[in-house]
Amino acid sequence: FQWQSQLKQTYDPSDSPVNSLTKCKVCDAEFDYGFEYLGNGPRLVITPLTDRIYVTATQALNLKMGCAPAGPAGTGKTESTKDLASALGKCCYVFNC
């Protein structure tokens, strides 16, 4: 399970040219890489907590449910979400309401 729960990016040249050739996989969830260039920004240190966030968020997104991390202030919810979006090549907008 530890290997499956890691965020892995794969390239499959045998895929059709219409589909994205680069995939991001976590457990049984698979996403097309978004090719959204967000610059060469800083990355988070991968800890067991960020692994749990990645697995939980990607499983929720795979089920089309969305994700809204909750918890005390300053624990890295926003940064973890932005780092996952960056790893998937997706744009992430943060709203403070």
PDB file of N, CA and C in Angstrom:
ATOM      1  N   PHE A   1       0.818  -1.196   0.000  1.00  0.00           N
ATOM      2  CA  PHE A   1       0.000   0.000   0.000  1.00  0.00           C
ATOM      3  C   PHE A   1       0.860   1.259   0.000  1.00  0.00           C
ATOM      4  N   GLN A   2       2.033   1.212   0.646  1.00  0.00           N
ATOM      5  CA  GLN A   2       2.877   2.400   0.714  1.00  0.00           C
ATOM      6  C   GLN A   2       3.333   2.835  -0.675  1.00  0.00           C
ATOM      7  N   TRP A   3       3.642   1.884  -1.549  1.00  0.00           N
ATOM      8  CA  TRP A   3       4.056   2.247  -2.902  1.00  0.00           C
ATOM      9  C   TRP A   3       2.864   2.771  -3.698  1.00  0.00           C
ATOM     10  N   GLN A   4       1.695   2.168  -3.555  1.00  0.00           N
ATOM     11  CA  GLN A   4       0.518   2.627  -4.296  1.00  0.00           C
ATOM     12  C   GLN A   4       0.064   4.007  -3.852  1.00  0.00           C
ATOM     13  N   SER A   5       0.280   4.358  -2.600  1.00  0.00           N
ATOM     14  CA  SER A   5      -0.200   5.637  -2.097  1.00  0.00           C
ATOM     15  C   SER A   5       0.720   6.803  -2.464  1.00  0.00           C
ATOM     16  N   GLN A   6       1.845   6.524  -3.110  1.00  0.00           N
ATOM     17  CA  GLN A   6       2.732   7.593  -3.559  1.00  0.00           C
ATOM     18  C   GLN A   6       2.207   8.196  -4.860  1.00  0.00           C
ATOM     19  N   LEU A   7       2.377   9.498  -5.040  1.00  0.00           N
ATOM     20  CA  LEU A   7       1.996  10.168  -6.280  1.00  0.00           C
ATOM     21  C   LEU A   7       3.036   9.814  -7.332  1.00  0.00           C
ATOM     22  N   LYS A   8       2.589   9.133  -8.381  1.00  0.00           N
ATOM     23  CA  LYS A   8       3.495   8.709  -9.449  1.00  0.00           C
ATOM     24  C   LYS A   8       3.036   9.323 -10.766  1.00  0.00           C
ATOM     25  N   GLN A   9       3.994   9.809 -11.546  1.00  0.00           N
ATOM     26  CA  GLN A   9       3.690  10.346 -12.857  1.00  0.00           C
ATOM     27  C   GLN A   9       4.256   9.389 -13.889  1.00  0.00           C
ATOM     28  N   THR A  10       3.407   8.994 -14.838  1.00  0.00           N
ATOM     29  CA  THR A  10       3.819   8.026 -15.845  1.00  0.00           C
ATOM     30  C   THR A  10       3.603   8.603 -17.238  1.00  0.00           C
ATOM     31  N   TYR A  11       4.379   8.107 -18.172  1.00  0.00           N
ATOM     32  CA  TYR A  11       4.270   8.509 -19.568  1.00  0.00           C
ATOM     33  C   TYR A  11       4.040   7.262 -20.402  1.00  0.00           C
ATOM     34  N   ASP A  12       2.999   7.276 -21.224  1.00  0.00           N
ATOM     35  CA  ASP A  12       2.670   6.119 -22.055  1.00  0.00           C
ATOM     36  C   ASP A  12       2.628   6.555 -23.522  1.00  0.00           C
ATOM     37  N   PRO A  13       3.693   6.291 -24.287  1.00  0.00           N
ATOM     38  CA  PRO A  13       3.711   6.732 -25.683  1.00  0.00           C
ATOM     39  C   PRO A  13       2.767   5.946 -26.587  1.00  0.00           C
ATOM     40  N   SER A  14       2.231   4.826 -26.113  1.00  0.00           N
ATOM     41  CA  SER A  14       1.331   4.033 -26.957  1.00  0.00           C
ATOM     42  C   SER A  14      -0.099   4.560 -26.914  1.00  0.00           C
ATOM     43  N   ASP A  15      -0.369   5.554 -26.036  1.00  0.00           N
ATOM     44  CA  ASP A  15      -1.694   6.156 -25.941  1.00  0.00           C
ATOM     45  C   ASP A  15      -1.999   6.924 -27.226  1.00  0.00           C
ATOM     46  N   SER A  16      -3.276   7.139 -27.508  1.00  0.00           N
ATOM     47  CA  SER A  16      -3.646   7.880 -28.712  1.00  0.00           C
ATOM     48  C   SER A  16      -3.228   9.337 -28.571  1.00  0.00           C
ATOM     49  N   PRO A  17      -2.932  10.012 -29.683  1.00  0.00           N
ATOM     50  CA  PRO A  17      -2.476  11.406 -29.597  1.00  0.00           C
ATOM     51  C   PRO A  17      -3.555  12.358 -29.084  1.00  0.00           C
ATOM     52  N   VAL A  18      -4.806  11.939 -29.116  1.00  0.00           N
ATOM     53  CA  VAL A  18      -5.887  12.799 -28.637  1.00  0.00           C
ATOM     54  C   VAL A  18      -5.850  12.890 -27.117  1.00  0.00           C
ATOM     55  N   ASN A  19      -5.553  11.804 -26.456  1.00  0.00           N
ATOM     56  CA  ASN A  19      -5.510  11.770 -24.994  1.00  0.00           C
ATOM     57  C   ASN A  19      -4.173  12.283 -24.486  1.00  0.00           C
ATOM     58  N   SER A  20      -4.165  12.713 -23.258  1.00  0.00           N
ATOM     59  CA  SER A  20      -2.918  13.120 -22.629  1.00  0.00           C
ATOM     60  C   SER A  20      -2.038  11.886 -22.428  1.00  0.00           C
ATOM     61  N   LEU A  21      -0.767  12.012 -22.746  1.00  0.00           N
ATOM     62  CA  LEU A  21       0.139  10.877 -22.614  1.00  0.00           C
ATOM     63  C   LEU A  21       0.697  10.751 -21.204  1.00  0.00           C
ATOM     64  N   THR A  22       0.618  11.812 -20.439  1.00  0.00           N
ATOM     65  CA  THR A  22       1.172  11.813 -19.092  1.00  0.00           C
ATOM     66  C   THR A  22       0.039  11.655 -18.089  1.00  0.00           C
ATOM     67  N   LYS A  23       0.183  10.686 -17.198  1.00  0.00           N
ATOM     68  CA  LYS A  23      -0.832  10.392 -16.185  1.00  0.00           C
ATOM     69  C   LYS A  23      -0.229  10.558 -14.800  1.00  0.00           C
ATOM     70  N   CYS A  24      -1.057  10.955 -13.860  1.00  0.00           N
ATOM     71  CA  CYS A  24      -0.679  11.017 -12.447  1.00  0.00           C
ATOM     72  C   CYS A  24      -1.533   9.995 -11.714  1.00  0.00           C
ATOM     73  N   LYS A  25      -0.889   9.112 -10.959  1.00  0.00           N
ATOM     74  CA  LYS A  25      -1.609   8.030 -10.286  1.00  0.00           C
ATOM     75  C   LYS A  25      -1.338   8.039  -8.790  1.00  0.00           C
ATOM     76  N   VAL A  26      -2.401   7.847  -8.021  1.00  0.00           N
ATOM     77  CA  VAL A  26      -2.324   7.636  -6.572  1.00  0.00           C
ATOM     78  C   VAL A  26      -3.347   6.556  -6.269  1.00  0.00           C
ATOM     79  N   CYS A  27      -2.887   5.456  -5.691  1.00  0.00           N
ATOM     80  CA  CYS A  27      -3.756   4.290  -5.423  1.00  0.00           C
ATOM     81  C   CYS A  27      -4.476   3.910  -6.714  1.00  0.00           C
ATOM     82  N   ASP A  28      -5.808   3.898  -6.723  1.00  0.00           N
ATOM     83  CA  ASP A  28      -6.529   3.529  -7.940  1.00  0.00           C
ATOM     84  C   ASP A  28      -7.020   4.749  -8.710  1.00  0.00           C
ATOM     85  N   ALA A  29      -6.695   5.952  -8.257  1.00  0.00           N
ATOM     86  CA  ALA A  29      -7.102   7.179  -8.948  1.00  0.00           C
ATOM     87  C   ALA A  29      -6.065   7.526 -10.011  1.00  0.00           C
ATOM     88  N   GLU A  30      -6.535   7.901 -11.183  1.00  0.00           N
ATOM     89  CA  GLU A  30      -5.652   8.266 -12.287  1.00  0.00           C
ATOM     90  C   GLU A  30      -6.162   9.554 -12.917  1.00  0.00           C
ATOM     91  N   PHE A  31      -5.255  10.524 -13.078  1.00  0.00           N
ATOM     92  CA  PHE A  31      -5.606  11.818 -13.627  1.00  0.00           C
ATOM     93  C   PHE A  31      -4.706  12.141 -14.805  1.00  0.00           C
ATOM     94  N   ASP A  32      -5.252  12.825 -15.801  1.00  0.00           N
ATOM     95  CA  ASP A  32      -4.426  13.353 -16.874  1.00  0.00           C
ATOM     96  C   ASP A  32      -3.641  14.529 -16.328  1.00  0.00           C
ATOM     97  N   TYR A  33      -2.380  14.618 -16.720  1.00  0.00           N
ATOM     98  CA  TYR A  33      -1.567  15.756 -16.303  1.00  0.00           C
ATOM     99  C   TYR A  33      -2.098  16.996 -16.998  1.00  0.00           C
ATOM    100  N   GLY A  34      -2.244  18.101 -16.283  1.00  0.00           N
ATOM    101  CA  GLY A  34      -2.910  19.287 -16.802  1.00  0.00           C
ATOM    102  C   GLY A  34      -2.042  20.226 -17.613  1.00  0.00           C
ATOM    103  N   PHE A  35      -0.711  20.080 -17.563  1.00  0.00           N
ATOM    104  CA  PHE A  35       0.224  20.938 -18.291  1.00  0.00           C
ATOM    105  C   PHE A  35       0.040  22.415 -17.977  1.00  0.00           C
ATOM    106  N   GLU A  36      -0.407  22.744 -16.778  1.00  0.00           N
ATOM    107  CA  GLU A  36      -0.518  24.132 -16.330  1.00  0.00           C
ATOM    108  C   GLU A  36       0.823  24.498 -15.722  1.00  0.00           C
ATOM    109  N   TYR A  37       1.562  25.380 -16.391  1.00  0.00           N
ATOM    110  CA  TYR A  37       2.886  25.758 -15.894  1.00  0.00           C
ATOM    111  C   TYR A  37       2.737  26.801 -14.799  1.00  0.00           C
ATOM    112  N   LEU A  38       3.157  26.474 -13.611  1.00  0.00           N
ATOM    113  CA  LEU A  38       3.014  27.355 -12.471  1.00  0.00           C
ATOM    114  C   LEU A  38       4.354  27.909 -11.998  1.00  0.00           C
ATOM    115  N   GLY A  39       5.363  27.797 -12.817  1.00  0.00           N
ATOM    116  CA  GLY A  39       6.676  28.307 -12.451  1.00  0.00           C
ATOM    117  C   GLY A  39       7.465  27.303 -11.622  1.00  0.00           C
ATOM    118  N   ASN A  40       8.690  27.637 -11.377  1.00  0.00           N
ATOM    119  CA  ASN A  40       9.577  26.777 -10.609  1.00  0.00           C
ATOM    120  C   ASN A  40       9.497  27.176  -9.135  1.00  0.00           C
ATOM    121  N   GLY A  41       8.353  26.916  -8.541  1.00  0.00           N
ATOM    122  CA  GLY A  41       8.117  27.319  -7.155  1.00  0.00           C
ATOM    123  C   GLY A  41       8.635  26.300  -6.167  1.00  0.00           C
ATOM    124  N   PRO A  42       8.578  26.665  -4.893  1.00  0.00           N
ATOM    125  CA  PRO A  42       9.037  25.730  -3.852  1.00  0.00           C
ATOM    126  C   PRO A  42       8.067  24.563  -3.691  1.00  0.00           C
ATOM    127  N   ARG A  43       8.596  23.429  -3.301  1.00  0.00           N
ATOM    128  CA  ARG A  43       7.780  22.234  -3.055  1.00  0.00           C
ATOM    129  C   ARG A  43       7.763  21.946  -1.567  1.00  0.00           C
ATOM    130  N   LEU A  44       6.734  21.232  -1.147  1.00  0.00           N
ATOM    131  CA  LEU A  44       6.633  20.849   0.258  1.00  0.00           C
ATOM    132  C   LEU A  44       7.511  19.640   0.544  1.00  0.00           C
ATOM    133  N   VAL A  45       7.908  19.513   1.780  1.00  0.00           N
ATOM    134  CA  VAL A  45       8.590  18.304   2.233  1.00  0.00           C
ATOM    135  C   VAL A  45       7.528  17.224   2.364  1.00  0.00           C
ATOM    136  N   ILE A  46       7.781  16.062   1.783  1.00  0.00           N
ATOM    137  CA  ILE A  46       6.808  14.978   1.820  1.00  0.00           C
ATOM    138  C   ILE A  46       6.931  14.248   3.152  1.00  0.00           C
ATOM    139  N   THR A  47       5.859  14.290   3.917  1.00  0.00           N
ATOM    140  CA  THR A  47       5.794  13.628   5.220  1.00  0.00           C
ATOM    141  C   THR A  47       4.631  12.641   5.184  1.00  0.00           C
ATOM    142  N   PRO A  48       4.477  11.798   6.186  1.00  0.00           N
ATOM    143  CA  PRO A  48       3.304  10.911   6.218  1.00  0.00           C
ATOM    144  C   PRO A  48       1.980  11.678   6.179  1.00  0.00           C
ATOM    145  N   LEU A  49       1.954  12.879   6.747  1.00  0.00           N
ATOM    146  CA  LEU A  49       0.718  13.666   6.711  1.00  0.00           C
ATOM    147  C   LEU A  49       0.403  14.154   5.301  1.00  0.00           C
ATOM    148  N   THR A  50       1.419  14.618   4.555  1.00  0.00           N
ATOM    149  CA  THR A  50       1.152  15.038   3.180  1.00  0.00           C
ATOM    150  C   THR A  50       0.764  13.847   2.311  1.00  0.00           C
ATOM    151  N   ASP A  51       1.327  12.678   2.580  1.00  0.00           N
ATOM    152  CA  ASP A  51       0.907  11.471   1.853  1.00  0.00           C
ATOM    153  C   ASP A  51      -0.573  11.180   2.113  1.00  0.00           C
ATOM    154  N   ARG A  52      -1.003  11.302   3.363  1.00  0.00           N
ATOM    155  CA  ARG A  52      -2.422  11.071   3.698  1.00  0.00           C
ATOM    156  C   ARG A  52      -3.319  12.080   3.008  1.00  0.00           C
ATOM    157  N   ILE A  53      -2.888  13.336   2.977  1.00  0.00           N
ATOM    158  CA  ILE A  53      -3.678  14.383   2.310  1.00  0.00           C
ATOM    159  C   ILE A  53      -3.782  14.072   0.815  1.00  0.00           C
ATOM    160  N   TYR A  54      -2.669  13.690   0.199  1.00  0.00           N
ATOM    161  CA  TYR A  54      -2.674  13.378  -1.235  1.00  0.00           C
ATOM    162  C   TYR A  54      -3.630  12.230  -1.534  1.00  0.00           C
ATOM    163  N   VAL A  55      -3.555  11.165  -0.741  1.00  0.00           N
ATOM    164  CA  VAL A  55      -4.424  10.004  -0.977  1.00  0.00           C
ATOM    165  C   VAL A  55      -5.885  10.385  -0.778  1.00  0.00           C
ATOM    166  N   THR A  56      -6.180  11.082   0.301  1.00  0.00           N
ATOM    167  CA  THR A  56      -7.568  11.457   0.588  1.00  0.00           C
ATOM    168  C   THR A  56      -8.121  12.389  -0.476  1.00  0.00           C
ATOM    169  N   ALA A  57      -7.352  13.400  -0.853  1.00  0.00           N
ATOM    170  CA  ALA A  57      -7.820  14.376  -1.842  1.00  0.00           C
ATOM    171  C   ALA A  57      -7.987  13.744  -3.220  1.00  0.00           C
ATOM    172  N   THR A  58      -7.035  12.913  -3.642  1.00  0.00           N
ATOM    173  CA  THR A  58      -7.151  12.306  -4.972  1.00  0.00           C
ATOM    174  C   THR A  58      -8.273  11.282  -5.035  1.00  0.00           C
ATOM    175  N   GLN A  59      -8.500  10.547  -3.954  1.00  0.00           N
ATOM    176  CA  GLN A  59      -9.625   9.610  -3.960  1.00  0.00           C
ATOM    177  C   GLN A  59     -10.949  10.358  -4.036  1.00  0.00           C
ATOM    178  N   ALA A  60     -11.061  11.479  -3.313  1.00  0.00           N
ATOM    179  CA  ALA A  60     -12.284  12.283  -3.375  1.00  0.00           C
ATOM    180  C   ALA A  60     -12.477  12.869  -4.769  1.00  0.00           C
ATOM    181  N   LEU A  61     -11.417  13.386  -5.366  1.00  0.00           N
ATOM    182  CA  LEU A  61     -11.526  13.947  -6.714  1.00  0.00           C
ATOM    183  C   LEU A  61     -11.834  12.872  -7.744  1.00  0.00           C
ATOM    184  N   ASN A  62     -11.301  11.683  -7.543  1.00  0.00           N
ATOM    185  CA  ASN A  62     -11.582  10.578  -8.456  1.00  0.00           C
ATOM    186  C   ASN A  62     -13.059  10.202  -8.421  1.00  0.00           C
ATOM    187  N   LEU A  63     -13.691  10.347  -7.246  1.00  0.00           N
ATOM    188  CA  LEU A  63     -15.118  10.057  -7.108  1.00  0.00           C
ATOM    189  C   LEU A  63     -15.986  11.270  -7.431  1.00  0.00           C
ATOM    190  N   LYS A  64     -15.364  12.337  -7.964  1.00  0.00           N
ATOM    191  CA  LYS A  64     -16.068  13.582  -8.340  1.00  0.00           C
ATOM    192  C   LYS A  64     -16.750  14.227  -7.140  1.00  0.00           C
ATOM    193  N   MET A  65     -16.128  14.155  -5.970  1.00  0.00           N
ATOM    194  CA  MET A  65     -16.726  14.694  -4.760  1.00  0.00           C
ATOM    195  C   MET A  65     -16.094  16.004  -4.312  1.00  0.00           C
ATOM    196  N   GLY A  66     -14.909  16.334  -4.782  1.00  0.00           N
ATOM    197  CA  GLY A  66     -14.238  17.541  -4.315  1.00  0.00           C
ATOM    198  C   GLY A  66     -13.556  17.303  -2.981  1.00  0.00           C
ATOM    199  N   CYS A  67     -12.857  18.329  -2.524  1.00  0.00           N
ATOM    200  CA  CYS A  67     -12.080  18.172  -1.295  1.00  0.00           C
ATOM    201  C   CYS A  67     -12.036  19.505  -0.564  1.00  0.00           C
ATOM    202  N   ALA A  68     -12.275  19.485   0.730  1.00  0.00           N
ATOM    203  CA  ALA A  68     -12.204  20.683   1.562  1.00  0.00           C
ATOM    204  C   ALA A  68     -11.522  20.325   2.875  1.00  0.00           C
ATOM    205  N   PRO A  69     -10.193  20.405   2.948  1.00  0.00           N
ATOM    206  CA  PRO A  69      -9.489  20.062   4.178  1.00  0.00           C
ATOM    207  C   PRO A  69      -9.912  20.970   5.334  1.00  0.00           C
ATOM    208  N   ALA A  70     -10.018  20.403   6.504  1.00  0.00           N
ATOM    209  CA  ALA A  70     -10.408  21.168   7.691  1.00  0.00           C
ATOM    210  C   ALA A  70      -9.430  20.873   8.815  1.00  0.00           C
ATOM    211  N   GLY A  71      -9.234  21.846   9.687  1.00  0.00           N
ATOM    212  CA  GLY A  71      -8.347  21.655  10.830  1.00  0.00           C
ATOM    213  C   GLY A  71      -7.875  22.979  11.365  1.00  0.00           C
ATOM    214  N   PRO A  72      -7.003  22.949  12.361  1.00  0.00           N
ATOM    215  CA  PRO A  72      -6.513  24.178  12.977  1.00  0.00           C
ATOM    216  C   PRO A  72      -5.717  25.036  11.985  1.00  0.00           C
ATOM    217  N   ALA A  73      -5.652  26.332  12.279  1.00  0.00           N
ATOM    218  CA  ALA A  73      -4.893  27.254  11.432  1.00  0.00           C
ATOM    219  C   ALA A  73      -3.404  26.940  11.490  1.00  0.00           C
ATOM    220  N   GLY A  74      -2.738  27.121  10.379  1.00  0.00           N
ATOM    221  CA  GLY A  74      -1.289  26.956  10.334  1.00  0.00           C
ATOM    222  C   GLY A  74      -0.799  25.537  10.229  1.00  0.00           C
ATOM    223  N   THR A  75      -1.651  24.595   9.851  1.00  0.00           N
ATOM    224  CA  THR A  75      -1.213  23.197   9.762  1.00  0.00           C
ATOM    225  C   THR A  75      -0.869  22.776   8.334  1.00  0.00           C
ATOM    226  N   GLY A  76      -0.996  23.673   7.354  1.00  0.00           N
ATOM    227  CA  GLY A  76      -0.561  23.372   5.995  1.00  0.00           C
ATOM    228  C   GLY A  76      -1.640  22.860   5.069  1.00  0.00           C
ATOM    229  N   LYS A  77      -2.897  23.091   5.382  1.00  0.00           N
ATOM    230  CA  LYS A  77      -3.986  22.608   4.516  1.00  0.00           C
ATOM    231  C   LYS A  77      -3.928  23.260   3.146  1.00  0.00           C
ATOM    232  N   THR A  78      -3.795  24.591   3.127  1.00  0.00           N
ATOM    233  CA  THR A  78      -3.763  25.320   1.857  1.00  0.00           C
ATOM    234  C   THR A  78      -2.510  24.971   1.074  1.00  0.00           C
ATOM    235  N   GLU A  79      -1.362  24.939   1.725  1.00  0.00           N
ATOM    236  CA  GLU A  79      -0.109  24.644   1.034  1.00  0.00           C
ATOM    237  C   GLU A  79      -0.099  23.226   0.478  1.00  0.00           C
ATOM    238  N   SER A  80      -0.656  22.270   1.221  1.00  0.00           N
ATOM    239  CA  SER A  80      -0.726  20.885   0.723  1.00  0.00           C
ATOM    240  C   SER A  80      -1.626  20.791  -0.498  1.00  0.00           C
ATOM    241  N   THR A  81      -2.749  21.502  -0.480  1.00  0.00           N
ATOM    242  CA  THR A  81      -3.663  21.487  -1.615  1.00  0.00           C
ATOM    243  C   THR A  81      -3.022  22.134  -2.829  1.00  0.00           C
ATOM    244  N   LYS A  82      -2.330  23.254  -2.623  1.00  0.00           N
ATOM    245  CA  LYS A  82      -1.669  23.928  -3.740  1.00  0.00           C
ATOM    246  C   LYS A  82      -0.526  23.076  -4.296  1.00  0.00           C
ATOM    247  N   ASP A  83       0.193  22.376  -3.432  1.00  0.00           N
ATOM    248  CA  ASP A  83       1.289  21.520  -3.892  1.00  0.00           C
ATOM    249  C   ASP A  83       0.757  20.327  -4.684  1.00  0.00           C
ATOM    250  N   LEU A  84      -0.372  19.760  -4.252  1.00  0.00           N
ATOM    251  CA  LEU A  84      -0.978  18.665  -5.014  1.00  0.00           C
ATOM    252  C   LEU A  84      -1.442  19.159  -6.377  1.00  0.00           C
ATOM    253  N   ALA A  85      -2.057  20.324  -6.433  1.00  0.00           N
ATOM    254  CA  ALA A  85      -2.486  20.888  -7.714  1.00  0.00           C
ATOM    255  C   ALA A  85      -1.291  21.122  -8.624  1.00  0.00           C
ATOM    256  N   SER A  86      -0.201  21.597  -8.071  1.00  0.00           N
ATOM    257  CA  SER A  86       1.016  21.807  -8.857  1.00  0.00           C
ATOM    258  C   SER A  86       1.565  20.490  -9.386  1.00  0.00           C
ATOM    259  N   ALA A  87       1.544  19.444  -8.565  1.00  0.00           N
ATOM    260  CA  ALA A  87       2.037  18.133  -8.998  1.00  0.00           C
ATOM    261  C   ALA A  87       1.157  17.536 -10.096  1.00  0.00           C
ATOM    262  N   LEU A  88      -0.147  17.855 -10.077  1.00  0.00           N
ATOM    263  CA  LEU A  88      -1.067  17.354 -11.102  1.00  0.00           C
ATOM    264  C   LEU A  88      -1.104  18.252 -12.333  1.00  0.00           C
ATOM    265  N   GLY A  89      -0.400  19.388 -12.288  1.00  0.00           N
ATOM    266  CA  GLY A  89      -0.401  20.312 -13.409  1.00  0.00           C
ATOM    267  C   GLY A  89      -1.721  21.043 -13.566  1.00  0.00           C
ATOM    268  N   LYS A  90      -2.400  21.287 -12.470  1.00  0.00           N
ATOM    269  CA  LYS A  90      -3.698  21.971 -12.482  1.00  0.00           C
ATOM    270  C   LYS A  90      -3.567  23.326 -11.809  1.00  0.00           C
ATOM    271  N   CYS A  91      -4.407  24.263 -12.226  1.00  0.00           N
ATOM    272  CA  CYS A  91      -4.430  25.582 -11.609  1.00  0.00           C
ATOM    273  C   CYS A  91      -5.266  25.529 -10.339  1.00  0.00           C
ATOM    274  N   CYS A  92      -4.814  26.186  -9.288  1.00  0.00           N
ATOM    275  CA  CYS A  92      -5.501  26.165  -8.002  1.00  0.00           C
ATOM    276  C   CYS A  92      -5.739  27.602  -7.556  1.00  0.00           C
ATOM    277  N   TYR A  93      -6.996  27.941  -7.320  1.00  0.00           N
ATOM    278  CA  TYR A  93      -7.364  29.254  -6.819  1.00  0.00           C
ATOM    279  C   TYR A  93      -7.766  29.125  -5.355  1.00  0.00           C
ATOM    280  N   VAL A  94      -7.283  30.022  -4.518  1.00  0.00           N
ATOM    281  CA  VAL A  94      -7.568  30.002  -3.091  1.00  0.00           C
ATOM    282  C   VAL A  94      -8.425  31.219  -2.754  1.00  0.00           C
ATOM    283  N   PHE A  95      -9.579  30.973  -2.135  1.00  0.00           N
ATOM    284  CA  PHE A  95     -10.462  32.040  -1.702  1.00  0.00           C
ATOM    285  C   PHE A  95     -10.566  32.014  -0.190  1.00  0.00           C
ATOM    286  N   ASN A  96     -10.317  33.142   0.446  1.00  0.00           N
ATOM    287  CA  ASN A  96     -10.513  33.260   1.883  1.00  0.00           C
ATOM    288  C   ASN A  96     -11.816  34.015   2.117  1.00  0.00           C
ATOM    289  N   CYS A  97     -12.826  33.321   2.589  1.00  0.00           N
ATOM    290  CA  CYS A  97     -14.137  33.943   2.774  1.00  0.00           C
ATOM    291  C   CYS A  97     -14.391  34.220   4.232  1.00  0.00           C
TER     292      CYS A  97
END
